[in-house]
C-alpha atoms as a PDB file:
ATOM      1  CA  MET A   1      68.380 108.208 129.833  1.00  0.00           C
ATOM      2  CA  ARG A   2      69.693 108.499 126.296  1.00  0.00           C
ATOM      3  CA  GLU A   3      70.307 105.203 124.549  1.00  0.00           C
ATOM      4  CA  ARG A   4      73.787 104.369 123.390  1.00  0.00           C
ATOM      5  CA  PRO A   5      74.035 104.642 119.595  1.00  0.00           C
ATOM      6  CA  LEU A   6      74.574 101.505 117.584  1.00  0.00           C
ATOM      7  CA  ILE A   7      77.992 101.498 115.911  1.00  0.00           C
ATOM      8  CA  GLY A   8      78.934  99.067 113.152  1.00  0.00           C
ATOM      9  CA  TRP A   9      81.239  98.444 110.212  1.00  0.00           C
ATOM     10  CA  VAL A  10      80.129  98.323 106.602  1.00  0.00           C
ATOM     11  CA  MET A  11      81.082  94.867 105.372  1.00  0.00           C
ATOM     12  CA  ALA A  12      79.764  95.060 101.814  1.00  0.00           C
ATOM     13  CA  VAL A  13      77.822  97.356  99.488  1.00  0.00           C
ATOM     14  CA  GLN A  14      75.045  95.761  97.418  1.00  0.00           C
ATOM     15  CA  ALA A  15      73.245  98.215  95.111  1.00  0.00           C
ATOM     16  CA  ASN A  16      71.551 100.659  97.514  1.00  0.00           C
ATOM     17  CA  PHE A  17      71.912  98.372 100.554  1.00  0.00           C
ATOM     18  CA  TYR A  18      74.755  98.052 103.026  1.00  0.00           C
ATOM     19  CA  ARG A  19      75.665  94.992 105.098  1.00  0.00           C
ATOM     20  CA  VAL A  20      76.669  96.279 108.568  1.00  0.00           C
ATOM     21  CA  ARG A  21      78.248  94.209 111.326  1.00  0.00           C
ATOM     22  CA  LEU A  22      77.583  95.789 114.722  1.00  0.00           C
ATOM     23  CA  GLU A  23      80.335  96.167 117.306  1.00  0.00           C
ATOM     24  CA  LEU A  24      78.019  94.605 119.917  1.00  0.00           C
ATOM     25  CA  PRO A  25      78.882  90.937 120.578  1.00  0.00           C
ATOM     26  CA  ASP A  26      76.549  88.181 119.394  1.00  0.00           C
ATOM     27  CA  GLN A  27      74.560  90.502 117.132  1.00  0.00           C
ATOM     28  CA  PRO A  28      73.634  89.566 113.547  1.00  0.00           C
ATOM     29  CA  GLU A  29      74.553  91.602 110.499  1.00  0.00           C
ATOM     30  CA  LEU A  30      71.956  94.171 109.487  1.00  0.00           C
ATOM     31  CA  LEU A  31      70.948  94.992 105.955  1.00  0.00           C
ATOM     32  CA  CYS A  32      70.747  98.775 106.039  1.00  0.00           C
ATOM     33  CA  VAL A  33      69.665 101.627 103.823  1.00  0.00           C
ATOM     34  CA  ARG A  34      71.111 105.153 103.770  1.00  0.00           C
ATOM     35  CA  ARG A  35      69.136 108.007 105.270  1.00  0.00           C
ATOM     36  CA  ALA A  36      67.838 110.457 102.681  1.00  0.00           C
ATOM     37  CA  ARG A  37      69.621 113.383 104.339  1.00  0.00           C
ATOM     38  CA  LEU A  38      72.978 111.697 103.797  1.00  0.00           C
ATOM     39  CA  LYS A  39      72.208 111.360 100.093  1.00  0.00           C
ATOM     40  CA  LYS A  40      71.144 115.010  99.891  1.00  0.00           C
ATOM     41  CA  VAL A  41      74.454 116.304 101.284  1.00  0.00           C
ATOM     42  CA  GLY A  42      76.420 113.869  99.063  1.00  0.00           C
ATOM     43  CA  VAL A  43      77.776 111.542 101.751  1.00  0.00           C
ATOM     44  CA  GLN A  44      78.955 108.314 100.144  1.00  0.00           C
ATOM     45  CA  ILE A  45      79.191 105.075 102.128  1.00  0.00           C
ATOM     46  CA  VAL A  46      81.957 102.611 101.278  1.00  0.00           C
ATOM     47  CA  VAL A  47      83.181  99.302 102.625  1.00  0.00           C
ATOM     48  CA  GLY A  48      85.143  99.791 105.827  1.00  0.00           C
ATOM     49  CA  ASP A  49      83.170 102.788 107.043  1.00  0.00           C
ATOM     50  CA  ARG A  50      82.301 102.987 110.724  1.00  0.00           C
ATOM     51  CA  VAL A  51      78.656 104.056 110.857  1.00  0.00           C
ATOM     52  CA  VAL A  52      75.807 104.852 113.258  1.00  0.00           C
ATOM     53  CA  VAL A  53      72.692 102.699 112.789  1.00  0.00           C
ATOM     54  CA  GLU A  54      69.217 103.793 113.775  1.00  0.00           C
ATOM     55  CA  GLU A  55      65.848 102.029 114.105  1.00  0.00           C
ATOM     56  CA  PRO A  56      67.113  98.421 114.059  1.00  0.00           C
ATOM     57  CA  ASP A  57      64.596  95.757 113.175  1.00  0.00           C
ATOM     58  CA  TRP A  58      65.970  92.755 115.062  1.00  0.00           C
ATOM     59  CA  GLN A  59      63.416  90.362 113.626  1.00  0.00           C
ATOM     60  CA  GLY A  60      64.043  91.301 109.989  1.00  0.00           C
ATOM     61  CA  ASN A  61      67.714  92.192 110.560  1.00  0.00           C
ATOM     62  CA  ARG A  62      67.224  95.613 109.037  1.00  0.00           C
ATOM     63  CA  GLY A  63      68.305  99.140 109.881  1.00  0.00           C
ATOM     64  CA  ALA A  64      69.146 102.609 108.585  1.00  0.00           C
ATOM     65  CA  ILE A  65      72.559 104.295 108.464  1.00  0.00           C
ATOM     66  CA  ALA A  66      72.241 107.757 109.993  1.00  0.00           C
ATOM     67  CA  GLU A  67      75.860 108.900 110.181  1.00  0.00           C
ATOM     68  CA  VAL A  68      79.310 108.048 108.788  1.00  0.00           C
ATOM     69  CA  LEU A  69      82.011 108.506 111.422  1.00  0.00           C
ATOM     70  CA  PRO A  70      85.311 110.198 110.413  1.00  0.00           C
ATOM     71  CA  ARG A  71      87.614 108.070 108.254  1.00  0.00           C
ATOM     72  CA  ARG A  72      91.299 107.565 108.930  1.00  0.00           C
ATOM     73  CA  ASN A  73      92.035 107.043 105.218  1.00  0.00           C
ATOM     74  CA  GLN A  74      90.249 106.060 102.032  1.00  0.00           C
ATOM     75  CA  LEU A  75      91.154 104.252  98.852  1.00  0.00           C
ATOM     76  CA  GLU A  76      89.135 105.231  95.790  1.00  0.00           C
ATOM     77  CA  ARG A  77      89.851 102.171  93.691  1.00  0.00           C
ATOM     78  CA  PRO A  78      88.677  99.933  95.173  1.00  0.00           C
ATOM     79  CA  ALA A  79      86.336 102.011  97.358  1.00  0.00           C
ATOM     80  CA  ILE A  80      87.328 101.136 100.939  1.00  0.00           C
ATOM     81  CA  SER A  81      88.160 103.141 104.038  1.00  0.00           C
ATOM     82  CA  ASN A  82      89.938 102.804 107.413  1.00  0.00           C
ATOM     83  CA  VAL A  83      92.604 100.497 106.040  1.00  0.00           C
ATOM     84  CA  ASP A  84      95.252  99.423 108.570  1.00  0.00           C
ATOM     85  CA  ARG A  85      97.297  97.147 106.348  1.00  0.00           C
ATOM     86  CA  LEU A  86      97.741  96.602 102.641  1.00  0.00           C
ATOM     87  CA  LEU A  87      98.807  93.213 101.329  1.00  0.00           C
ATOM     88  CA  LEU A  88     100.285  93.514  97.858  1.00  0.00           C
ATOM     89  CA  VAL A  89      99.979  90.057  96.365  1.00  0.00           C
ATOM     90  CA  SER A  90     102.244  88.962  93.551  1.00  0.00           C
ATOM     91  CA  SER A  91     103.005  85.428  92.337  1.00  0.00           C
ATOM     92  CA  LEU A  92     106.471  83.990  92.071  1.00  0.00           C
ATOM     93  CA  ALA A  93     105.418  82.011  88.990  1.00  0.00           C
ATOM     94  CA  GLN A  94     102.519  81.788  86.549  1.00  0.00           C
ATOM     95  CA  PRO A  95     102.732  84.715  86.032  1.00  0.00           C
ATOM     96  CA  GLU A  96     106.250  85.733  87.017  1.00  0.00           C
ATOM     97  CA  PRO A  97     106.750  88.945  89.044  1.00  0.00           C
ATOM     98  CA  ASP A  98     106.784  92.224  87.146  1.00  0.00           C
ATOM     99  CA  PRO A  99     109.003  94.692  89.103  1.00  0.00           C
ATOM    100  CA  HIS A 100     107.523  97.716  87.333  1.00  0.00           C
ATOM    101  CA  GLN A 101     103.958  96.717  88.216  1.00  0.00           C
ATOM    102  CA  VAL A 102     104.947  95.911  91.807  1.00  0.00           C
ATOM    103  CA  SER A 103     106.449  99.420  92.101  1.00  0.00           C
ATOM    104  CA  ARG A 104     103.246 100.899  90.679  1.00  0.00           C
ATOM    105  CA  PHE A 105     101.097  99.193  93.305  1.00  0.00           C
ATOM    106  CA  LEU A 106     103.453 100.220  96.114  1.00  0.00           C
ATOM    107  CA  ALA A 107     103.303 103.829  94.917  1.00  0.00           C
ATOM    108  CA  MET A 108      99.523 103.693  94.733  1.00  0.00           C
ATOM    109  CA  ALA A 109      99.344 102.502  98.380  1.00  0.00           C
ATOM    110  CA  ALA A 110     101.640 105.192  99.785  1.00  0.00           C
ATOM    111  CA  PRO A 111      99.056 107.983 100.251  1.00  0.00           C
ATOM    112  CA  LEU A 112      97.010 105.681 102.545  1.00  0.00           C
ATOM    113  CA  GLY A 113      99.624 105.949 105.229  1.00  0.00           C
ATOM    114  CA  CYS A 114      99.134 102.335 106.316  1.00  0.00           C
ATOM    115  CA  ALA A 115     101.495  99.402 106.705  1.00  0.00           C
ATOM    116  CA  VAL A 116     102.440  97.583 103.473  1.00  0.00           C
ATOM    117  CA  LEU A 117     103.414  93.913 103.176  1.00  0.00           C
ATOM    118  CA  VAL A 118     104.309  92.235  99.871  1.00  0.00           C
ATOM    119  CA  VAL A 119     103.017  88.672  99.783  1.00  0.00           C
ATOM    120  CA  TRP A 120     104.583  86.283  97.263  1.00  0.00           C
ATOM    121  CA  THR A 121     102.190  83.468  96.331  1.00  0.00           C
ATOM    122  CA  LYS A 122     102.732  80.098  94.617  1.00  0.00           C
ATOM    123  CA  ARG A 123     105.876  79.387  96.654  1.00  0.00           C
ATOM    124  CA  ASP A 124     105.549  75.690  95.898  1.00  0.00           C
ATOM    125  CA  LEU A 125     106.267  76.336  92.197  1.00  0.00           C
ATOM    126  CA  VAL A 126     109.773  77.795  92.695  1.00  0.00           C
ATOM    127  CA  GLY A 127     112.901  76.927  94.621  1.00  0.00           C
ATOM    128  CA  GLU A 128     114.342  78.560  97.726  1.00  0.00           C
ATOM    129  CA  ARG A 129     116.837  80.472  95.614  1.00  0.00           C
ATOM    130  CA  THR A 130     114.016  82.366  93.884  1.00  0.00           C
ATOM    131  CA  VAL A 131     112.246  83.030  97.200  1.00  0.00           C
ATOM    132  CA  THR A 132     115.463  84.452  98.719  1.00  0.00           C
ATOM    133  CA  PHE A 133     116.156  86.551  95.606  1.00  0.00           C
ATOM    134  CA  TRP A 134     112.795  88.330  95.655  1.00  0.00           C
ATOM    135  CA  GLY A 135     112.836  88.705  99.436  1.00  0.00           C
ATOM    136  CA  ASP A 136     116.250  90.427  99.329  1.00  0.00           C
ATOM    137  CA  ARG A 137     115.206  92.564  96.380  1.00  0.00           C
ATOM    138  CA  LEU A 138     112.138  93.926  98.208  1.00  0.00           C
ATOM    139  CA  HIS A 139     114.245  94.512 101.319  1.00  0.00           C
ATOM    140  CA  GLN A 140     116.546  96.748  99.269  1.00  0.00           C
ATOM    141  CA  TRP A 141     113.477  98.663  98.099  1.00  0.00           C
ATOM    142  CA  GLY A 142     112.524  99.230 101.730  1.00  0.00           C
ATOM    143  CA  TYR A 143     109.523  96.866 102.051  1.00  0.00           C
ATOM    144  CA  PRO A 144     108.962  93.647 104.015  1.00  0.00           C
ATOM    145  CA  SER A 145     107.840  90.569 102.112  1.00  0.00           C
ATOM    146  CA  LEU A 146     106.625  87.068 102.831  1.00  0.00           C
ATOM    147  CA  ALA A 147     106.398  83.994 100.528  1.00  0.00           C
ATOM    148  CA  VAL A 148     103.391  81.686 101.022  1.00  0.00           C
ATOM    149  CA  SER A 149     101.742  78.715  99.357  1.00  0.00           C
ATOM    150  CA  THR A 150      98.055  77.881  99.586  1.00  0.00           C
ATOM    151  CA  VAL A 151      98.892  74.326  98.453  1.00  0.00           C
ATOM    152  CA  THR A 152     101.509  73.363 101.032  1.00  0.00           C
ATOM    153  CA  GLY A 153     100.610  75.939 103.672  1.00  0.00           C
ATOM    154  CA  GLN A 154     104.115  77.410 103.836  1.00  0.00           C
ATOM    155  CA  GLY A 155     104.181  80.878 105.378  1.00  0.00           C
ATOM    156  CA  LEU A 156     100.453  81.002 106.152  1.00  0.00           C
ATOM    157  CA  GLU A 157     100.811  80.865 109.937  1.00  0.00           C
ATOM    158  CA  GLU A 158     103.269  83.747 109.911  1.00  0.00           C
ATOM    159  CA  LEU A 159     100.900  85.714 107.704  1.00  0.00           C
ATOM    160  CA  ARG A 160      97.920  85.017 109.988  1.00  0.00           C
ATOM    161  CA  GLY A 161      99.910  86.423 112.912  1.00  0.00           C
ATOM    162  CA  GLN A 162     100.168  89.779 111.161  1.00  0.00           C
ATOM    163  CA  LEU A 163      96.435  90.022 110.428  1.00  0.00           C
ATOM    164  CA  ARG A 164      95.004  89.623 113.916  1.00  0.00           C
ATOM    165  CA  SER A 165      93.616  93.164 114.147  1.00  0.00           C
ATOM    166  CA  GLY A 166      92.305  95.959 111.963  1.00  0.00           C
ATOM    167  CA  ILE A 167      91.329  95.933 108.335  1.00  0.00           C
ATOM    168  CA  SER A 168      93.716  94.411 105.817  1.00  0.00           C
ATOM    169  CA  ILE A 169      93.102  94.750 102.102  1.00  0.00           C
ATOM    170  CA  VAL A 170      94.420  92.340  99.494  1.00  0.00           C
ATOM    171  CA  THR A 171      95.310  93.889  96.183  1.00  0.00           C
ATOM    172  CA  GLY A 172      97.439  93.099  93.163  1.00  0.00           C
ATOM    173  CA  LEU A 173      97.292  92.034  89.571  1.00  0.00           C
ATOM    174  CA  SER A 174      94.695  89.592  88.300  1.00  0.00           C
ATOM    175  CA  GLY A 175      95.545  85.907  88.478  1.00  0.00           C
ATOM    176  CA  VAL A 176      98.141  86.065  91.241  1.00  0.00           C
ATOM    177  CA  GLY A 177      96.011  84.039  93.684  1.00  0.00           C
ATOM    178  CA  LYS A 178      94.300  86.689  95.768  1.00  0.00           C
ATOM    179  CA  SER A 179      90.959  84.875  95.983  1.00  0.00           C
ATOM    180  CA  SER A 180      92.635  81.551  96.732  1.00  0.00           C
ATOM    181  CA  LEU A 181      94.644  83.202  99.540  1.00  0.00           C
ATOM    182  CA  ILE A 182      91.523  84.730 101.097  1.00  0.00           C
ATOM    183  CA  GLN A 183      89.680  81.427 100.867  1.00  0.00           C
ATOM    184  CA  VAL A 184      92.421  79.859 103.008  1.00  0.00           C
ATOM    185  CA  LEU A 185      92.717  82.750 105.472  1.00  0.00           C
ATOM    186  CA  ALA A 186      89.004  83.479 105.864  1.00  0.00           C
ATOM    187  CA  PRO A 187      87.044  80.296 105.033  1.00  0.00           C
ATOM    188  CA  ARG A 188      83.529  81.188 103.999  1.00  0.00           C
ATOM    189  CA  GLU A 189      81.544  80.431 100.864  1.00  0.00           C
ATOM    190  CA  GLN A 190      83.395  79.186  97.826  1.00  0.00           C
ATOM    191  CA  LEU A 191      84.971  82.202  96.188  1.00  0.00           C
ATOM    192  CA  ARG A 192      85.432  82.373  92.469  1.00  0.00           C
ATOM    193  CA  THR A 193      88.962  81.612  91.319  1.00  0.00           C
ATOM    194  CA  GLY A 194      90.128  81.928  87.770  1.00  0.00           C
ATOM    195  CA  ARG A 195      92.678  80.164  85.643  1.00  0.00           C
ATOM    196  CA  ILE A 196      95.681  81.719  83.981  1.00  0.00           C
ATOM    197  CA  SER A 197      95.325  82.503  80.298  1.00  0.00           C
ATOM    198  CA  THR A 198      97.477  80.028  78.401  1.00  0.00           C
ATOM    199  CA  ARG A 199      97.841  82.469  75.547  1.00  0.00           C
ATOM    200  CA  HIS A 200      98.952  85.583  77.433  1.00  0.00           C
ATOM    201  CA  GLU A 201     100.028  83.965  80.742  1.00  0.00           C
ATOM    202  CA  LYS A 202      98.076  86.640  82.612  1.00  0.00           C
ATOM    203  CA  GLY A 203      95.283  86.445  85.076  1.00  0.00           C
ATOM    204  CA  ARG A 204      91.577  86.938  84.434  1.00  0.00           C
ATOM    205  CA  HIS A 205      89.374  89.090  86.564  1.00  0.00           C
ATOM    206  CA  THR A 206      87.383  87.013  89.095  1.00  0.00           C
ATOM    207  CA  THR A 207      86.557  89.513  91.901  1.00  0.00           C
ATOM    208  CA  ARG A 208      83.968  92.113  90.880  1.00  0.00           C
ATOM    209  CA  HIS A 209      83.515  94.083  94.110  1.00  0.00           C
ATOM    210  CA  VAL A 210      85.207  94.691  97.450  1.00  0.00           C
ATOM    211  CA  GLU A 211      83.968  92.959 100.612  1.00  0.00           C
ATOM    212  CA  LEU A 212      85.215  92.466 104.188  1.00  0.00           C
ATOM    213  CA  PHE A 213      85.665  88.915 105.489  1.00  0.00           C
ATOM    214  CA  PRO A 214      86.066  88.262 109.266  1.00  0.00           C
ATOM    215  CA  LEU A 215      89.209  86.294 110.214  1.00  0.00           C
ATOM    216  CA  PRO A 216      89.053  83.504 112.797  1.00  0.00           C
ATOM    217  CA  GLU A 217      92.018  85.002 114.687  1.00  0.00           C
ATOM    218  CA  GLY A 218      90.523  88.522 114.655  1.00  0.00           C
ATOM    219  CA  GLY A 219      90.538  91.431 112.241  1.00  0.00           C
ATOM    220  CA  HIS A 220      89.016  91.639 108.766  1.00  0.00           C
ATOM    221  CA  LEU A 221      90.359  90.894 105.334  1.00  0.00           C
ATOM    222  CA  ALA A 222      89.131  92.657 102.185  1.00  0.00           C
ATOM    223  CA  ASP A 223      89.377  91.282  98.691  1.00  0.00           C
ATOM    224  CA  SER A 224      89.577  93.755  95.862  1.00  0.00           C
ATOM    225  CA  PRO A 225      89.159  93.502  92.051  1.00  0.00           C
ATOM    226  CA  GLY A 226      92.341  92.699  90.204  1.00  0.00           C
ATOM    227  CA  PHE A 227      93.911  95.402  88.023  1.00  0.00           C
ATOM    228  CA  MET A 228      96.107  95.401  84.972  1.00  0.00           C
ATOM    229  CA  GLN A 229      97.225  99.065  85.280  1.00  0.00           C
ATOM    230  CA  PRO A 230      96.386 100.895  88.563  1.00  0.00           C
ATOM    231  CA  ALA A 231      96.159 104.656  88.105  1.00  0.00           C
ATOM    232  CA  LEU A 232      98.562 107.023  89.879  1.00  0.00           C
ATOM    233  CA  THR A 233      96.270 109.896  90.890  1.00  0.00           C
ATOM    234  CA  MET A 234      98.580 111.697  93.311  1.00  0.00           C
ATOM    235  CA  THR A 235     100.767 114.777  93.580  1.00  0.00           C
ATOM    236  CA  VAL A 236     104.498 114.881  92.840  1.00  0.00           C
ATOM    237  CA  ARG A 237     105.212 115.222  96.584  1.00  0.00           C
ATOM    238  CA  GLN A 238     103.155 112.147  97.321  1.00  0.00           C
ATOM    239  CA  LEU A 239     105.019 110.227  94.631  1.00  0.00           C
ATOM    240  CA  MET A 240     108.374 111.184  96.194  1.00  0.00           C
ATOM    241  CA  ALA A 241     107.159 109.979  99.557  1.00  0.00           C
ATOM    242  CA  ALA A 242     106.168 106.664  98.002  1.00  0.00           C
ATOM    243  CA  PHE A 243     109.812 105.689  97.388  1.00  0.00           C
ATOM    244  CA  PRO A 244     111.727 104.766 100.576  1.00  0.00           C
ATOM    245  CA  GLU A 245     114.949 105.029  98.553  1.00  0.00           C
ATOM    246  CA  ILE A 246     114.295 108.740  97.973  1.00  0.00           C
ATOM    247  CA  GLN A 247     113.515 109.370 101.629  1.00  0.00           C
ATOM    248  CA  PHE A 248     116.718 107.563 102.692  1.00  0.00           C
ATOM    249  CA  ARG A 249     118.864 109.750 100.413  1.00  0.00           C
ATOM    250  CA  LEU A 250     117.181 112.960 101.554  1.00  0.00           C
ATOM    251  CA  GLU A 251     117.852 111.993 105.182  1.00  0.00           C
ATOM    252  CA  GLN A 252     121.579 111.758 104.397  1.00  0.00           C
ATOM    253  CA  ASP A 253     121.733 115.083 102.504  1.00  0.00           C
ATOM    254  CA  SER A 254     119.500 117.686 100.863  1.00  0.00           C
ATOM    255  CA  CYS A 255     119.068 118.788  97.295  1.00  0.00           C
ATOM    256  CA  GLN A 256     120.221 122.227  96.151  1.00  0.00           C
ATOM    257  CA  PHE A 257     116.657 123.345  95.385  1.00  0.00           C
ATOM    258  CA  PRO A 258     113.754 122.713  97.794  1.00  0.00           C
ATOM    259  CA  ASP A 259     111.330 122.011  94.905  1.00  0.00           C
ATOM    260  CA  CYS A 260     113.685 119.541  93.232  1.00  0.00           C
ATOM    261  CA  THR A 261     111.814 116.814  91.284  1.00  0.00           C
ATOM    262  CA  HIS A 262     114.994 114.657  91.165  1.00  0.00           C
ATOM    263  CA  ARG A 263     114.934 114.532  87.415  1.00  0.00           C
ATOM    264  CA  HIS A 264     117.429 116.980  85.847  1.00  0.00           C
ATOM    265  CA  GLU A 265     117.971 119.706  88.477  1.00  0.00           C
ATOM    266  CA  PRO A 266     121.607 120.476  89.421  1.00  0.00           C
ATOM    267  CA  GLY A 267     122.760 119.592  92.901  1.00  0.00           C
ATOM    268  CA  CYS A 268     120.273 116.712  93.262  1.00  0.00           C
ATOM    269  CA  VAL A 269     121.283 114.041  95.814  1.00  0.00           C
ATOM    270  CA  VAL A 270     118.524 111.597  94.749  1.00  0.00           C
ATOM    271  CA  ARG A 271     119.359 111.238  91.090  1.00  0.00           C
ATOM    272  CA  GLY A 272     121.682 108.304  90.623  1.00  0.00           C
ATOM    273  CA  ASP A 273     122.172 104.633  89.916  1.00  0.00           C
ATOM    274  CA  TRP A 274     119.578 102.796  92.024  1.00  0.00           C
ATOM    275  CA  GLU A 275     117.250 100.118  90.757  1.00  0.00           C
ATOM    276  CA  ARG A 276     113.875 101.793  90.902  1.00  0.00           C
ATOM    277  CA  TYR A 277     115.008 105.224  89.648  1.00  0.00           C
ATOM    278  CA  PRO A 278     113.725 104.511  86.102  1.00  0.00           C
ATOM    279  CA  HIS A 279     110.379 103.514  87.697  1.00  0.00           C
ATOM    280  CA  TYR A 280     110.274 106.839  89.503  1.00  0.00           C
ATOM    281  CA  LEU A 281     110.973 108.822  86.326  1.00  0.00           C
ATOM    282  CA  ASN A 282     108.234 106.925  84.496  1.00  0.00           C
ATOM    283  CA  PHE A 283     105.706 107.519  87.275  1.00  0.00           C
ATOM    284  CA  LEU A 284     106.765 111.171  87.605  1.00  0.00           C
ATOM    285  CA  ALA A 285     105.952 111.814  83.925  1.00  0.00           C
ATOM    286  CA  GLU A 286     102.571 110.161  84.388  1.00  0.00           C
ATOM    287  CA  VAL A 287     101.746 112.116  87.564  1.00  0.00           C
ATOM    288  CA  GLN A 288     102.740 115.433  85.982  1.00  0.00           C
ATOM    289  CA  GLU A 289     100.668 114.681  82.905  1.00  0.00           C
ATOM    290  CA  HIS A 290      97.708 113.840  85.106  1.00  0.00           C
ATOM    291  CA  GLY A 291      98.183 117.116  87.038  1.00  0.00           C
ATOM    292  CA  ASP A 292      98.362 119.188  83.836  1.00  0.00           C
ATOM    293  CA  ARG A 293      95.268 117.483  82.450  1.00  0.00           C
ATOM    294  CA  LEU A 294      93.390 118.102  85.718  1.00  0.00           C
ATOM    295  CA  HIS A 295      94.451 121.750  85.751  1.00  0.00           C
ATOM    296  CA  SER A 296      93.353 122.205  82.133  1.00  0.00           C
ATOM    297  CA  THR A 297      89.975 120.676  82.891  1.00  0.00           C
ATOM    298  CA  ARG A 298      89.446 122.977  85.879  1.00  0.00           C
ATOM    299  CA  THR A 299      90.435 126.040  83.878  1.00  0.00           C
ATOM    300  CA  THR A 300      88.012 125.115  81.090  1.00  0.00           C
ATOM    301  CA  ASP A 301      85.197 124.495  83.567  1.00  0.00           C
ATOM    302  CA  ARG A 302      85.884 127.839  85.269  1.00  0.00           C
ATOM    303  CA  ALA A 303      85.810 129.685  81.952  1.00  0.00           C
ATOM    304  CA  TYR A 304      82.570 127.964  81.012  1.00  0.00           C
ATOM    305  CA  LYS A 305      80.966 128.873  84.334  1.00  0.00           C
ATOM    306  CA  ASP A 306      82.072 132.494  84.048  1.00  0.00           C
ATOM    307  CA  LYS A 307      80.600 132.700  80.576  1.00  0.00           C
ATOM    308  CA  SER A 308      77.331 131.087  81.662  1.00  0.00           C
ATOM    309  CA  GLN A 309      76.963 133.632  84.468  1.00  0.00           C
ATOM    310  CA  HIS A 310      77.176 136.596  82.063  1.00  0.00           C
ATOM    311  CA  HIS A 311      73.770 138.281  81.568  1.00  0.00           C
ATOM    312  CA  GLU A 312      72.640 140.687  78.909  1.00  0.00           C
ATOM    313  CA  PRO A 313      71.413 144.056  80.209  1.00  0.00           C
ATOM    314  CA  LEU A 314      67.661 144.353  80.614  1.00  0.00           C
ATOM    315  CA  LEU A 315      65.737 146.363  78.046  1.00  0.00           C
ATOM    316  CA  ASN A 316      64.006 149.560  78.926  1.00  0.00           C
ATOM    317  CA  ARG A 317      60.445 148.471  79.577  1.00  0.00           C
ATOM    318  CA  LYS A 318      58.838 151.861  78.792  1.00  0.00           C
ATOM    319  CA  LYS A 319      60.719 152.184  75.527  1.00  0.00           C
ATOM    320  CA  HIS A 320      60.363 148.689  74.106  1.00  0.00           C
ATOM    321  CA  ARG A 321      57.130 147.491  75.625  1.00  0.00           C
ATOM    322  CA  ARG A 322      54.264 147.068  73.175  1.00  0.00           C
ATOM    323  CA  PRO A 323      51.425 149.449  74.151  1.00  0.00           C
ATOM    324  CA  SER A 324      48.063 148.033  75.086  1.00  0.00           C
ATOM    325  CA  ARG A 325      44.962 148.396  72.923  1.00  0.00           C
ATOM    326  CA  ARG A 326      43.373 150.723  75.491  1.00  0.00           C
ATOM    327  CA  VAL A 327      46.279 153.122  75.214  1.00  0.00           C
ATOM    328  CA  LEU A 328      46.185 153.012  71.434  1.00  0.00           C
ATOM    329  CA  HIS A 329      42.430 153.785  71.367  1.00  0.00           C
ATOM    330  CA  GLN A 330      42.819 156.650  73.812  1.00  0.00           C
ATOM    331  CA  GLY A 331      45.504 158.154  71.625  1.00  0.00           C
ATOM    332  CA  GLN A 332      43.326 157.938  68.542  1.00  0.00           C
ATOM    333  CA  ASP A 333      40.314 159.491  70.323  1.00  0.00           C
ATOM    334  CA  ALA A 334      42.304 162.352  71.762  1.00  0.00           C
ATOM    335  CA  GLY A 335      43.953 163.215  68.447  1.00  0.00           C
ATOM    336  CA  ASN A 336      46.843 165.591  68.452  1.00  0.00           C
ATOM    337  CA  GLY A 337      45.801 167.231  71.693  1.00  0.00           C
ATOM    338  CA  SER A 338      46.029 164.081  73.773  1.00  0.00           C
ATOM    339  CA  ASP A 339      48.411 164.086  76.683  1.00  0.00           C
ATOM    340  CA  ILE A 340      49.051 160.330  76.176  1.00  0.00           C
ATOM    341  CA  GLU A 341      51.523 159.431  73.452  1.00  0.00           C
ATOM    342  CA  VAL A 342      51.503 156.145  71.575  1.00  0.00           C
ATOM    343  CA  GLY A 343      54.095 153.796  72.931  1.00  0.00           C
ATOM    344  CA  GLU A 344      54.011 155.337  76.386  1.00  0.00           C
ATOM    345  CA  VAL A 345      52.433 153.601  79.359  1.00  0.00           C
ATOM    346  CA  GLU A 346      50.203 155.652  81.624  1.00  0.00           C
ATOM    347  CA  LEU A 347      51.087 155.168  85.297  1.00  0.00           C
END
């Protein structure tokens, strides 16, 4: 009878080792290596991958990853897969919210196709009027939001109720309280937390890598390194889909041209006076510039490869080959009556 394969989740990546938590109950985490054949075919293993483990060493808690099961989605920065929920964390004070940066993170999360929740931290530093203002503002954008405080505990129970299953990743700018929030939601070892720069009033990077933390109520939470400027590596169509305001307007009516970019085309139903339209135009220019740069790089690489594959024609061996000494001596001995000419090879 064939044994049932061991299935587990990659919790963390440490150099060339992978911490894997098996789906079997009451089993310890295994420190695994990657099979050589996976490396040869270029299979990368990231946090959140569901993998098949072979040859477990239960005494040493070791194993080997033999297969990576299909991913539902993948985020390149940070490297994590199979994300069910993205928590965009932004502070209500110290530092104050930056609408443009919040829009950038929301656009970056759109290609994942997972649920998005904006979490406002440091609720204890502001009044209810500020909490209501930002909640209504995000609702107009088309996103749910929740204000919490790791000091007073406000909003934490409601947040825990939304994280009971699947993989949730915490992302956002540096210094907004991501590590402090995870420490409250998933108590483990003391995580590094940084102070706000008094000079720039911005956060400092404290998280260096992504890791999954099990939640007491179920599910897993992933911390991610803080960013100052997340990159928008997507297509124009993906950018359009990242704005619920655009989708709402297209559901009411359609543009005159099917390939409308909603910038200057006539008969556009999206272009207009809505709050995040300047954000969209700014991101559109960046995405188009990235696409042009990528296309230029591919064209240059293709031209270089075509040039490198060009070969000079081979020389005629009988005409350009240097004759051997034996042939030269035979030609000298035979004189003018020899049938063998100098420079010619006798077959």
